[in-house]
Amino acid sequence: MRTHTPLFVAAVLVPMLLVRPAPLFAQAAPSTGRAELLATDQAASDSVAGQGMAAGLSNLLTDDGILLYSGAPIVRGRGSVARLFSLQRMLDSVHYQWQPLYAEVSADNSFGVTWGVTAVLVGGRNETPPVRIGRYISAWERVGGSWKLAAQVQMGVTGGLPFVLPADLPLTLPALAAEGPFAAFISADNHFSDEAGRTSAAIAFGKYAAPDAVTFGGPALVRGPEGIQQNVASGTPADWKWRPVYAGGSAAGDLGFTVGESVIRAKTTAEAPSYGKYLTIWRRDKDGNVKFVTDGGNGRPAQH
C-alpha cells in the first residue's frame, strides 16, 4: 500500500518535478510495462521511507542483487548487502525517499530501468536540518512475475557520513569476459573504455551515448551525446579507465546493464587517483548498435 510523501521530500521534489523536461513523461507513459515499473519503483521508495534503507532496500533485491554504496566496494548478494548495512549505524538517523522520473522496459518485459531524484534527511523527522538531494539509477529484473532490484546506485546522498568497511568484502573484482547472453553489453563497455584511453573520456561519452541518454552533472540533468560530451570535457583533464565486473539484462538482449570499477587520474595535478564504481544501462537497437541510456557511479576504497 502506498504511504504519504513525507513533508521534507514533498517540499523539495515537487518543485523539481514541475520543471522537469516534458520528454521524460513521454518515455514513461505509453507502455503498461513502464507504468507498472514506475509504480513499483515508487512503492520501493515508500518502503525505504517507512522501514529505513537497510530493511527496505535489502528486501527489494534479487538474491544476487548488486548495491553500489558510496565508499564501499561493489557489493553483490542480499546477504552481503545486509551485512554492509548492519555496520552503518548512522543509517538509523538517515531518512531516504526517491522520486522516479523515467522508466524503460525491454521488449519482453523481463528487464527494466528507472532513474530519478533522491531526497535525504539526516537527523530526526521532526528536526529541520538541510535536505540533501541526489540521484539514483535502478536496474530491475522480473522474478516470479514481480519486479526485483538487480542493481542500484545512489549518487550524492551518503557523502560525508561515517562509513564502516566490512572486513570480508573484496576491494576489487576480476574483469568480466565478453561472453554469454550479455556479451554485447560487456563488449560495448570495454570498447567505451578503450575509446576513452585512445582519445578522451569526453569523446568516448559522446560517441557511446544514445540520442536520448541522460547523465547527472551535479544538480542538472545532462541530455544527449553533445551535452554529455561537453559536460565531461568541462571537468579537470584526466585519464579515465574502467572495466565491467558484472552484467545483466533482458533475455532478448535489447536492454541491459554493466557494473564495473573505474580509476580517474588527473593529468595536470599531483592529486591522488579517484577510484570509483559505476552502473551503466545499455540499449541495443534493431541494427545491433549498443549505446548507453544512462550512467552513474560513486566512490570506492583506494587501491595501493
C-alpha atoms as a PDB file:
ATOM      1  CA  MET A   1       0.000   0.000   0.000  1.00  0.00           C
ATOM      2  CA  ARG A   2       1.248   3.470  -0.848  1.00  0.00           C
ATOM      3  CA  THR A   3       2.155   5.788   2.001  1.00  0.00           C
ATOM      4  CA  HIS A   4       2.029   9.548   2.168  1.00  0.00           C
ATOM      5  CA  THR A   5       5.053  11.501   0.988  1.00  0.00           C
ATOM      6  CA  PRO A   6       6.981  12.954   3.968  1.00  0.00           C
ATOM      7  CA  LEU A   7       6.860  16.733   4.035  1.00  0.00           C
ATOM      8  CA  PHE A   8      10.624  17.096   3.690  1.00  0.00           C
ATOM      9  CA  VAL A   9      10.512  15.154   0.424  1.00  0.00           C
ATOM     10  CA  ALA A  10       7.425  16.868  -0.949  1.00  0.00           C
ATOM     11  CA  ALA A  11       8.862  20.300  -0.301  1.00  0.00           C
ATOM     12  CA  VAL A  12      11.952  19.520  -2.391  1.00  0.00           C
ATOM     13  CA  LEU A  13      10.894  17.016  -5.023  1.00  0.00           C
ATOM     14  CA  VAL A  14       7.600  18.555  -6.119  1.00  0.00           C
ATOM     15  CA  PRO A  15       9.207  21.806  -7.378  1.00  0.00           C
ATOM     16  CA  MET A  16      11.804  19.721  -9.237  1.00  0.00           C
ATOM     17  CA  LEU A  17       9.075  17.671 -10.899  1.00  0.00           C
ATOM     18  CA  LEU A  18       7.301  20.808 -12.045  1.00  0.00           C
ATOM     19  CA  VAL A  19      10.352  21.871 -14.045  1.00  0.00           C
ATOM     20  CA  ARG A  20      11.470  18.529 -15.410  1.00  0.00           C
ATOM     21  CA  PRO A  21      11.636  18.295 -19.213  1.00  0.00           C
ATOM     22  CA  ALA A  22       8.412  17.184 -20.902  1.00  0.00           C
ATOM     23  CA  PRO A  23      10.043  14.289 -22.836  1.00  0.00           C
ATOM     24  CA  LEU A  24      10.529  12.439 -19.540  1.00  0.00           C
ATOM     25  CA  PHE A  25       6.775  11.971 -19.332  1.00  0.00           C
ATOM     26  CA  ALA A  26       6.635  10.730 -22.913  1.00  0.00           C
ATOM     27  CA  GLN A  27       9.160   7.995 -22.189  1.00  0.00           C
ATOM     28  CA  ALA A  28       7.271   6.726 -19.153  1.00  0.00           C
ATOM     29  CA  ALA A  29       3.643   6.879 -20.278  1.00  0.00           C
ATOM     30  CA  PRO A  30       2.907   4.787 -23.421  1.00  0.00           C
ATOM     31  CA  SER A  31       3.604   1.288 -22.130  1.00  0.00           C
ATOM     32  CA  THR A  32       1.780  -0.708 -19.485  1.00  0.00           C
ATOM     33  CA  GLY A  33       5.128  -2.266 -18.594  1.00  0.00           C
ATOM     34  CA  ARG A  34       6.701   1.130 -17.992  1.00  0.00           C
ATOM     35  CA  ALA A  35       3.750   2.295 -15.929  1.00  0.00           C
ATOM     36  CA  GLU A  36       3.955  -0.837 -13.801  1.00  0.00           C
ATOM     37  CA  LEU A  37       7.676  -0.390 -13.277  1.00  0.00           C
ATOM     38  CA  LEU A  38       7.248   3.256 -12.306  1.00  0.00           C
ATOM     39  CA  ALA A  39       4.633   2.212  -9.750  1.00  0.00           C
ATOM     40  CA  THR A  40       6.952  -0.493  -8.422  1.00  0.00           C
ATOM     41  CA  ASP A  41       9.814   1.960  -8.081  1.00  0.00           C
ATOM     42  CA  GLN A  42       7.620   4.457  -6.248  1.00  0.00           C
ATOM     43  CA  ALA A  43       6.417   1.704  -3.914  1.00  0.00           C
ATOM     44  CA  ALA A  44      10.050   0.765  -3.297  1.00  0.00           C
ATOM     45  CA  SER A  45      10.748   4.347  -2.288  1.00  0.00           C
ATOM     46  CA  ASP A  46       7.790   4.285   0.099  1.00  0.00           C
ATOM     47  CA  SER A  47       9.116   1.043   1.601  1.00  0.00           C
ATOM     48  CA  VAL A  48      12.535   2.575   2.188  1.00  0.00           C
ATOM     49  CA  ALA A  49      10.951   5.716   3.627  1.00  0.00           C
ATOM     50  CA  GLY A  50       8.874   3.631   6.039  1.00  0.00           C
ATOM     51  CA  GLN A  51      11.352   0.919   7.021  1.00  0.00           C
ATOM     52  CA  GLY A  52      14.709   2.607   6.501  1.00  0.00           C
ATOM     53  CA  MET A  53      17.305   1.981   3.822  1.00  0.00           C
ATOM     54  CA  ALA A  54      18.681  -1.232   5.334  1.00  0.00           C
ATOM     55  CA  ALA A  55      15.400  -3.127   5.673  1.00  0.00           C
ATOM     56  CA  GLY A  56      13.559  -1.548   2.775  1.00  0.00           C
ATOM     57  CA  LEU A  57      16.263  -1.935   0.145  1.00  0.00           C
ATOM     58  CA  SER A  58      17.516  -5.367   1.233  1.00  0.00           C
ATOM     59  CA  ASN A  59      14.025  -6.820   0.807  1.00  0.00           C
ATOM     60  CA  LEU A  60      13.780  -5.473  -2.734  1.00  0.00           C
ATOM     61  CA  LEU A  61      16.960  -7.063  -4.099  1.00  0.00           C
ATOM     62  CA  THR A  62      17.215 -10.244  -6.116  1.00  0.00           C
ATOM     63  CA  ASP A  63      19.245 -12.996  -4.426  1.00  0.00           C
ATOM     64  CA  ASP A  64      22.362 -11.801  -6.301  1.00  0.00           C
ATOM     65  CA  GLY A  65      21.368  -8.127  -6.498  1.00  0.00           C
ATOM     66  CA  ILE A  66      24.153  -5.538  -6.625  1.00  0.00           C
ATOM     67  CA  LEU A  67      24.444  -2.416  -4.490  1.00  0.00           C
ATOM     68  CA  LEU A  68      26.832   0.430  -5.273  1.00  0.00           C
ATOM     69  CA  TYR A  69      27.008   2.089  -1.845  1.00  0.00           C
ATOM     70  CA  SER A  70      29.174   5.181  -1.717  1.00  0.00           C
ATOM     71  CA  GLY A  71      32.593   4.459  -0.207  1.00  0.00           C
ATOM     72  CA  ALA A  72      32.203   0.679  -0.337  1.00  0.00           C
ATOM     73  CA  PRO A  73      33.455  -1.833  -2.887  1.00  0.00           C
ATOM     74  CA  ILE A  74      30.844  -3.341  -5.190  1.00  0.00           C
ATOM     75  CA  VAL A  75      28.532  -5.496  -3.046  1.00  0.00           C
ATOM     76  CA  ARG A  76      26.650  -8.413  -4.569  1.00  0.00           C
ATOM     77  CA  GLY A  77      24.031 -10.624  -2.946  1.00  0.00           C
ATOM     78  CA  ARG A  78      21.254  -9.882  -0.495  1.00  0.00           C
ATOM     79  CA  GLY A  79      23.204 -11.347   2.426  1.00  0.00           C
ATOM     80  CA  SER A  80      26.300  -9.263   1.696  1.00  0.00           C
ATOM     81  CA  VAL A  81      24.201  -6.110   1.354  1.00  0.00           C
ATOM     82  CA  ALA A  82      22.526  -6.838   4.699  1.00  0.00           C
ATOM     83  CA  ARG A  83      25.942  -7.241   6.368  1.00  0.00           C
ATOM     84  CA  LEU A  84      27.114  -3.951   4.879  1.00  0.00           C
ATOM     85  CA  PHE A  85      24.042  -2.137   6.158  1.00  0.00           C
ATOM     86  CA  SER A  86      24.332  -3.718   9.622  1.00  0.00           C
ATOM     87  CA  LEU A  87      27.639  -1.890  10.158  1.00  0.00           C
ATOM     88  CA  GLN A  88      26.370   1.533   9.071  1.00  0.00           C
ATOM     89  CA  ARG A  89      24.828   2.669  12.361  1.00  0.00           C
ATOM     90  CA  MET A  90      24.414   6.202  11.067  1.00  0.00           C
ATOM     91  CA  LEU A  91      21.695   4.922   8.729  1.00  0.00           C
ATOM     92  CA  ASP A  92      19.319   4.715  11.708  1.00  0.00           C
ATOM     93  CA  SER A  93      19.081   8.509  11.637  1.00  0.00           C
ATOM     94  CA  VAL A  94      19.035   8.922   7.852  1.00  0.00           C
ATOM     95  CA  HIS A  95      15.695   9.100   6.056  1.00  0.00           C
ATOM     96  CA  TYR A  96      15.579   8.381   2.325  1.00  0.00           C
ATOM     97  CA  GLN A  97      12.907   8.719  -0.303  1.00  0.00           C
ATOM     98  CA  TRP A  98      13.169   8.968  -4.048  1.00  0.00           C
ATOM     99  CA  GLN A  99      11.004  10.029  -6.959  1.00  0.00           C
ATOM    100  CA  PRO A 100      11.277   8.166 -10.276  1.00  0.00           C
ATOM    101  CA  LEU A 101      11.414  10.406 -13.322  1.00  0.00           C
ATOM    102  CA  TYR A 102      11.978   7.780 -16.018  1.00  0.00           C
ATOM    103  CA  ALA A 103      11.290   4.132 -16.728  1.00  0.00           C
ATOM    104  CA  GLU A 104      12.080   1.884 -19.667  1.00  0.00           C
ATOM    105  CA  VAL A 105      11.436  -1.830 -20.111  1.00  0.00           C
ATOM    106  CA  SER A 106      12.748  -4.423 -22.521  1.00  0.00           C
ATOM    107  CA  ALA A 107      10.621  -5.743 -25.370  1.00  0.00           C
ATOM    108  CA  ASP A 108       9.948  -8.982 -23.478  1.00  0.00           C
ATOM    109  CA  ASN A 109       9.146  -7.100 -20.232  1.00  0.00           C
ATOM    110  CA  SER A 110      11.811  -9.083 -18.336  1.00  0.00           C
ATOM    111  CA  PHE A 111      14.194  -6.196 -17.574  1.00  0.00           C
ATOM    112  CA  GLY A 112      13.794  -2.518 -16.865  1.00  0.00           C
ATOM    113  CA  VAL A 113      15.486   0.626 -15.660  1.00  0.00           C
ATOM    114  CA  THR A 114      14.353   3.581 -13.582  1.00  0.00           C
ATOM    115  CA  TRP A 115      16.166   6.721 -12.537  1.00  0.00           C
ATOM    116  CA  GLY A 116      15.248   9.837 -10.652  1.00  0.00           C
ATOM    117  CA  VAL A 117      15.836  12.132  -7.683  1.00  0.00           C
ATOM    118  CA  THR A 118      16.598  11.116  -4.101  1.00  0.00           C
ATOM    119  CA  ALA A 119      15.969  13.288  -1.042  1.00  0.00           C
ATOM    120  CA  VAL A 120      17.855  12.527   2.180  1.00  0.00           C
ATOM    121  CA  LEU A 121      17.262  13.950   5.635  1.00  0.00           C
ATOM    122  CA  VAL A 122      19.980  13.320   8.230  1.00  0.00           C
ATOM    123  CA  GLY A 123      18.508  13.623  11.724  1.00  0.00           C
ATOM    124  CA  GLY A 124      15.076  13.229  13.236  1.00  0.00           C
ATOM    125  CA  ARG A 125      11.957  13.694  11.123  1.00  0.00           C
ATOM    126  CA  ASN A 126      10.823  16.495  13.450  1.00  0.00           C
ATOM    127  CA  GLU A 127      14.109  18.341  13.074  1.00  0.00           C
ATOM    128  CA  THR A 128      14.860  20.836  10.325  1.00  0.00           C
ATOM    129  CA  PRO A 129      18.369  20.055   9.005  1.00  0.00           C
ATOM    130  CA  PRO A 130      19.110  20.668   5.335  1.00  0.00           C
ATOM    131  CA  VAL A 131      17.743  18.151   2.851  1.00  0.00           C
ATOM    132  CA  ARG A 132      20.411  16.545   0.686  1.00  0.00           C
ATOM    133  CA  ILE A 133      19.433  15.942  -2.952  1.00  0.00           C
ATOM    134  CA  GLY A 134      20.946  13.165  -5.022  1.00  0.00           C
ATOM    135  CA  ARG A 135      20.205  10.934  -7.988  1.00  0.00           C
ATOM    136  CA  TYR A 136      19.749   7.216  -8.446  1.00  0.00           C
ATOM    137  CA  ILE A 137      19.681   4.558 -11.143  1.00  0.00           C
ATOM    138  CA  SER A 138      17.998   1.183 -10.621  1.00  0.00           C
ATOM    139  CA  ALA A 139      18.129  -1.896 -12.836  1.00  0.00           C
ATOM    140  CA  TRP A 140      15.200  -4.295 -12.416  1.00  0.00           C
ATOM    141  CA  GLU A 141      14.568  -7.949 -13.285  1.00  0.00           C
ATOM    142  CA  ARG A 142      11.320  -9.865 -13.284  1.00  0.00           C
ATOM    143  CA  VAL A 143      11.419 -12.668 -10.718  1.00  0.00           C
ATOM    144  CA  GLY A 144       8.325 -14.841 -10.366  1.00  0.00           C
ATOM    145  CA  GLY A 145       6.165 -12.196 -12.015  1.00  0.00           C
ATOM    146  CA  SER A 146       7.363  -9.344  -9.790  1.00  0.00           C
ATOM    147  CA  TRP A 147       9.990  -6.664 -10.328  1.00  0.00           C
ATOM    148  CA  LYS A 148      13.112  -7.027  -8.164  1.00  0.00           C
ATOM    149  CA  LEU A 149      16.220  -4.867  -7.984  1.00  0.00           C
ATOM    150  CA  ALA A 150      19.143  -6.311  -9.932  1.00  0.00           C
ATOM    151  CA  ALA A 151      21.400  -3.307  -9.244  1.00  0.00           C
ATOM    152  CA  GLN A 152      21.189   0.170  -7.792  1.00  0.00           C
ATOM    153  CA  VAL A 153      23.489   3.160  -7.449  1.00  0.00           C
ATOM    154  CA  GLN A 154      22.711   6.229  -5.338  1.00  0.00           C
ATOM    155  CA  MET A 155      24.728   9.351  -6.108  1.00  0.00           C
ATOM    156  CA  GLY A 156      25.304  12.353  -3.899  1.00  0.00           C
ATOM    157  CA  VAL A 157      23.363  11.143  -0.855  1.00  0.00           C
ATOM    158  CA  THR A 158      25.778   9.474   1.589  1.00  0.00           C
ATOM    159  CA  GLY A 159      28.954  11.516   1.118  1.00  0.00           C
ATOM    160  CA  GLY A 160      30.400  12.687   4.436  1.00  0.00           C
ATOM    161  CA  LEU A 161      28.503  10.158   6.558  1.00  0.00           C
ATOM    162  CA  PRO A 162      30.575   7.814   8.771  1.00  0.00           C
ATOM    163  CA  PHE A 163      31.336   4.587   6.913  1.00  0.00           C
ATOM    164  CA  VAL A 164      32.435   1.183   8.174  1.00  0.00           C
ATOM    165  CA  LEU A 165      34.024  -1.193   5.657  1.00  0.00           C
ATOM    166  CA  PRO A 166      33.141  -4.874   6.203  1.00  0.00           C
ATOM    167  CA  ALA A 167      36.278  -6.981   6.606  1.00  0.00           C
ATOM    168  CA  ASP A 168      35.138  -9.767   4.257  1.00  0.00           C
ATOM    169  CA  LEU A 169      34.374  -7.639   1.194  1.00  0.00           C
ATOM    170  CA  PRO A 170      36.892  -7.892  -1.664  1.00  0.00           C
ATOM    171  CA  LEU A 171      38.188  -4.431  -2.539  1.00  0.00           C
ATOM    172  CA  THR A 172      38.339  -5.211  -6.244  1.00  0.00           C
ATOM    173  CA  LEU A 173      36.864  -7.823  -8.571  1.00  0.00           C
ATOM    174  CA  PRO A 174      38.111  -9.612 -11.699  1.00  0.00           C
ATOM    175  CA  ALA A 175      37.239  -8.231 -15.105  1.00  0.00           C
ATOM    176  CA  LEU A 176      34.276  -9.838 -16.838  1.00  0.00           C
ATOM    177  CA  ALA A 177      34.851 -11.725 -20.090  1.00  0.00           C
ATOM    178  CA  ALA A 178      32.761 -10.574 -23.067  1.00  0.00           C
ATOM    179  CA  GLU A 179      30.824 -13.806 -23.442  1.00  0.00           C
ATOM    180  CA  GLY A 180      27.442 -15.297 -22.630  1.00  0.00           C
ATOM    181  CA  PRO A 181      23.990 -13.729 -23.091  1.00  0.00           C
ATOM    182  CA  PHE A 182      25.170 -10.219 -22.162  1.00  0.00           C
ATOM    183  CA  ALA A 183      28.343 -10.213 -24.252  1.00  0.00           C
ATOM    184  CA  ALA A 184      27.135  -7.272 -26.366  1.00  0.00           C
ATOM    185  CA  PHE A 185      26.871  -5.025 -23.308  1.00  0.00           C
ATOM    186  CA  ILE A 186      30.188  -6.178 -21.848  1.00  0.00           C
ATOM    187  CA  SER A 187      31.934  -5.668 -25.186  1.00  0.00           C
ATOM    188  CA  ALA A 188      30.397  -2.197 -25.604  1.00  0.00           C
ATOM    189  CA  ASP A 189      31.596  -1.207 -22.135  1.00  0.00           C
ATOM    190  CA  ASN A 190      35.117  -2.425 -22.903  1.00  0.00           C
ATOM    191  CA  HIS A 191      35.194  -0.556 -26.226  1.00  0.00           C
ATOM    192  CA  PHE A 192      33.844   2.524 -24.438  1.00  0.00           C
ATOM    193  CA  SER A 193      36.781   2.414 -22.002  1.00  0.00           C
ATOM    194  CA  ASP A 194      39.260   1.754 -24.811  1.00  0.00           C
ATOM    195  CA  GLU A 195      37.942   4.808 -26.686  1.00  0.00           C
ATOM    196  CA  ALA A 196      38.444   6.959 -23.584  1.00  0.00           C
ATOM    197  CA  GLY A 197      42.056   5.766 -23.460  1.00  0.00           C
ATOM    198  CA  ARG A 198      42.709   6.399 -27.173  1.00  0.00           C
ATOM    199  CA  THR A 199      41.038   9.782 -27.427  1.00  0.00           C
ATOM    200  CA  SER A 200      39.464  11.225 -24.291  1.00  0.00           C
ATOM    201  CA  ALA A 201      36.684  10.458 -21.832  1.00  0.00           C
ATOM    202  CA  ALA A 202      34.625  13.316 -23.275  1.00  0.00           C
ATOM    203  CA  ILE A 203      34.813  11.977 -26.840  1.00  0.00           C
ATOM    204  CA  ALA A 204      34.058   8.443 -25.648  1.00  0.00           C
ATOM    205  CA  PHE A 205      30.993   9.545 -23.695  1.00  0.00           C
ATOM    206  CA  GLY A 206      29.705  11.461 -26.692  1.00  0.00           C
ATOM    207  CA  LYS A 207      30.315   8.522 -29.021  1.00  0.00           C
ATOM    208  CA  TYR A 208      28.657   5.851 -26.877  1.00  0.00           C
ATOM    209  CA  ALA A 209      25.680   7.887 -25.606  1.00  0.00           C
ATOM    210  CA  ALA A 210      22.253   7.080 -27.052  1.00  0.00           C
ATOM    211  CA  PRO A 211      20.442  10.040 -28.653  1.00  0.00           C
ATOM    212  CA  ASP A 212      18.203  10.296 -25.568  1.00  0.00           C
ATOM    213  CA  ALA A 213      20.890   9.410 -22.999  1.00  0.00           C
ATOM    214  CA  VAL A 214      20.908  11.186 -19.641  1.00  0.00           C
ATOM    215  CA  THR A 215      23.720  11.659 -17.129  1.00  0.00           C
ATOM    216  CA  PHE A 216      23.814  13.618 -13.907  1.00  0.00           C
ATOM    217  CA  GLY A 217      26.026  16.699 -13.874  1.00  0.00           C
ATOM    218  CA  GLY A 218      25.596  17.941 -10.327  1.00  0.00           C
ATOM    219  CA  PRO A 219      22.063  19.329  -9.799  1.00  0.00           C
ATOM    220  CA  ALA A 220      21.238  19.326 -13.511  1.00  0.00           C
ATOM    221  CA  LEU A 221      20.311  16.579 -15.928  1.00  0.00           C
ATOM    222  CA  VAL A 222      22.657  16.389 -18.907  1.00  0.00           C
ATOM    223  CA  ARG A 223      20.917  15.094 -22.030  1.00  0.00           C
ATOM    224  CA  GLY A 224      22.100  13.816 -25.398  1.00  0.00           C
ATOM    225  CA  PRO A 225      25.559  12.964 -26.778  1.00  0.00           C
ATOM    226  CA  GLU A 226      26.658  16.557 -27.358  1.00  0.00           C
ATOM    227  CA  GLY A 227      25.625  17.784 -23.921  1.00  0.00           C
ATOM    228  CA  ILE A 228      27.157  14.787 -22.198  1.00  0.00           C
ATOM    229  CA  GLN A 229      30.427  15.199 -24.096  1.00  0.00           C
ATOM    230  CA  GLN A 230      30.599  18.885 -23.195  1.00  0.00           C
ATOM    231  CA  ASN A 231      29.852  18.160 -19.534  1.00  0.00           C
ATOM    232  CA  VAL A 232      32.672  15.594 -19.270  1.00  0.00           C
ATOM    233  CA  ALA A 233      35.047  17.923 -21.148  1.00  0.00           C
ATOM    234  CA  SER A 234      34.351  20.715 -18.659  1.00  0.00           C
ATOM    235  CA  GLY A 235      35.996  18.747 -15.847  1.00  0.00           C
ATOM    236  CA  THR A 236      39.659  18.588 -14.875  1.00  0.00           C
ATOM    237  CA  PRO A 237      41.722  16.941 -17.657  1.00  0.00           C
ATOM    238  CA  ALA A 238      42.201  13.320 -16.666  1.00  0.00           C
ATOM    239  CA  ASP A 239      42.864   9.802 -17.888  1.00  0.00           C
ATOM    240  CA  TRP A 240      39.837   7.550 -17.384  1.00  0.00           C
ATOM    241  CA  LYS A 241      39.891   3.774 -17.376  1.00  0.00           C
ATOM    242  CA  TRP A 242      37.264   1.264 -16.312  1.00  0.00           C
ATOM    243  CA  ARG A 243      36.238  -2.371 -16.693  1.00  0.00           C
ATOM    244  CA  PRO A 244      32.974  -4.243 -16.195  1.00  0.00           C
ATOM    245  CA  VAL A 245      32.794  -6.929 -13.488  1.00  0.00           C
ATOM    246  CA  TYR A 246      29.073  -7.832 -13.645  1.00  0.00           C
ATOM    247  CA  ALA A 247      26.384  -7.664 -16.331  1.00  0.00           C
ATOM    248  CA  GLY A 248      22.722  -8.484 -16.760  1.00  0.00           C
ATOM    249  CA  GLY A 249      19.732  -7.707 -18.907  1.00  0.00           C
ATOM    250  CA  SER A 250      16.778  -8.992 -20.836  1.00  0.00           C
ATOM    251  CA  ALA A 251      16.586 -12.412 -22.415  1.00  0.00           C
ATOM    252  CA  ALA A 252      16.141 -10.713 -25.795  1.00  0.00           C
ATOM    253  CA  GLY A 253      19.341  -8.719 -25.316  1.00  0.00           C
ATOM    254  CA  ASP A 254      17.805  -5.338 -26.163  1.00  0.00           C
ATOM    255  CA  LEU A 255      18.273  -3.725 -22.742  1.00  0.00           C
ATOM    256  CA  GLY A 256      20.844  -4.465 -20.058  1.00  0.00           C
ATOM    257  CA  PHE A 257      23.462  -3.201 -17.664  1.00  0.00           C
ATOM    258  CA  THR A 258      27.089  -3.409 -16.693  1.00  0.00           C
ATOM    259  CA  VAL A 259      28.599  -2.753 -13.279  1.00  0.00           C
ATOM    260  CA  GLY A 260      32.301  -2.049 -13.044  1.00  0.00           C
ATOM    261  CA  GLU A 261      35.274  -0.377 -11.425  1.00  0.00           C
ATOM    262  CA  SER A 262      36.922   2.828 -12.614  1.00  0.00           C
ATOM    263  CA  VAL A 263      40.091   4.828 -11.995  1.00  0.00           C
ATOM    264  CA  ILE A 264      40.439   8.502 -12.940  1.00  0.00           C
ATOM    265  CA  ARG A 265      43.903  10.081 -12.841  1.00  0.00           C
ATOM    266  CA  ALA A 266      44.259  13.849 -13.202  1.00  0.00           C
ATOM    267  CA  LYS A 267      46.710  14.899 -15.932  1.00  0.00           C
ATOM    268  CA  THR A 268      47.670  18.341 -14.706  1.00  0.00           C
ATOM    269  CA  THR A 269      47.801  17.990 -10.922  1.00  0.00           C
ATOM    270  CA  ALA A 270      49.512  15.698  -8.422  1.00  0.00           C
ATOM    271  CA  GLU A 271      46.289  14.730  -6.671  1.00  0.00           C
ATOM    272  CA  ALA A 272      45.668  11.071  -5.897  1.00  0.00           C
ATOM    273  CA  PRO A 273      43.695   8.970  -8.383  1.00  0.00           C
ATOM    274  CA  SER A 274      39.935   8.778  -7.926  1.00  0.00           C
ATOM    275  CA  TYR A 275      38.657   5.217  -7.506  1.00  0.00           C
ATOM    276  CA  GLY A 276      35.052   4.624  -8.413  1.00  0.00           C
ATOM    277  CA  LYS A 277      32.394   2.136  -9.391  1.00  0.00           C
ATOM    278  CA  TYR A 278      29.543   2.559 -11.845  1.00  0.00           C
ATOM    279  CA  LEU A 279      26.247   1.292 -13.188  1.00  0.00           C
ATOM    280  CA  THR A 280      25.666   1.775 -16.923  1.00  0.00           C
ATOM    281  CA  ILE A 281      22.382   0.966 -18.659  1.00  0.00           C
ATOM    282  CA  TRP A 282      22.695  -0.151 -22.288  1.00  0.00           C
ATOM    283  CA  ARG A 283      20.217  -0.390 -25.169  1.00  0.00           C
ATOM    284  CA  ARG A 284      20.752  -2.412 -28.351  1.00  0.00           C
ATOM    285  CA  ASP A 285      18.776  -1.200 -31.364  1.00  0.00           C
ATOM    286  CA  LYS A 286      17.360  -3.254 -34.232  1.00  0.00           C
ATOM    287  CA  ASP A 287      20.611  -2.800 -36.204  1.00  0.00           C
ATOM    288  CA  GLY A 288      22.688  -4.198 -33.328  1.00  0.00           C
ATOM    289  CA  ASN A 289      24.161  -0.872 -32.211  1.00  0.00           C
ATOM    290  CA  VAL A 290      24.721  -0.686 -28.453  1.00  0.00           C
ATOM    291  CA  LYS A 291      24.599   2.716 -26.728  1.00  0.00           C
ATOM    292  CA  PHE A 292      24.236   3.716 -23.115  1.00  0.00           C
ATOM    293  CA  VAL A 293      20.942   5.136 -21.864  1.00  0.00           C
ATOM    294  CA  THR A 294      22.252   6.401 -18.547  1.00  0.00           C
ATOM    295  CA  ASP A 295      25.378   6.074 -16.433  1.00  0.00           C
ATOM    296  CA  GLY A 296      26.302   6.935 -12.861  1.00  0.00           C
ATOM    297  CA  GLY A 297      28.606   5.957 -10.063  1.00  0.00           C
ATOM    298  CA  ASN A 298      30.228   6.769  -6.753  1.00  0.00           C
ATOM    299  CA  GLY A 299      33.468   6.189  -4.870  1.00  0.00           C
ATOM    300  CA  ARG A 300      35.121   3.007  -3.655  1.00  0.00           C
ATOM    301  CA  PRO A 301      38.200   2.344  -1.491  1.00  0.00           C
ATOM    302  CA  ALA A 302      41.560   3.395  -2.910  1.00  0.00           C
ATOM    303  CA  GLN A 303      43.838   0.665  -4.239  1.00  0.00           C
ATOM    304  CA  HIS A 304      47.510   0.521  -3.264  1.00  0.00           C
END
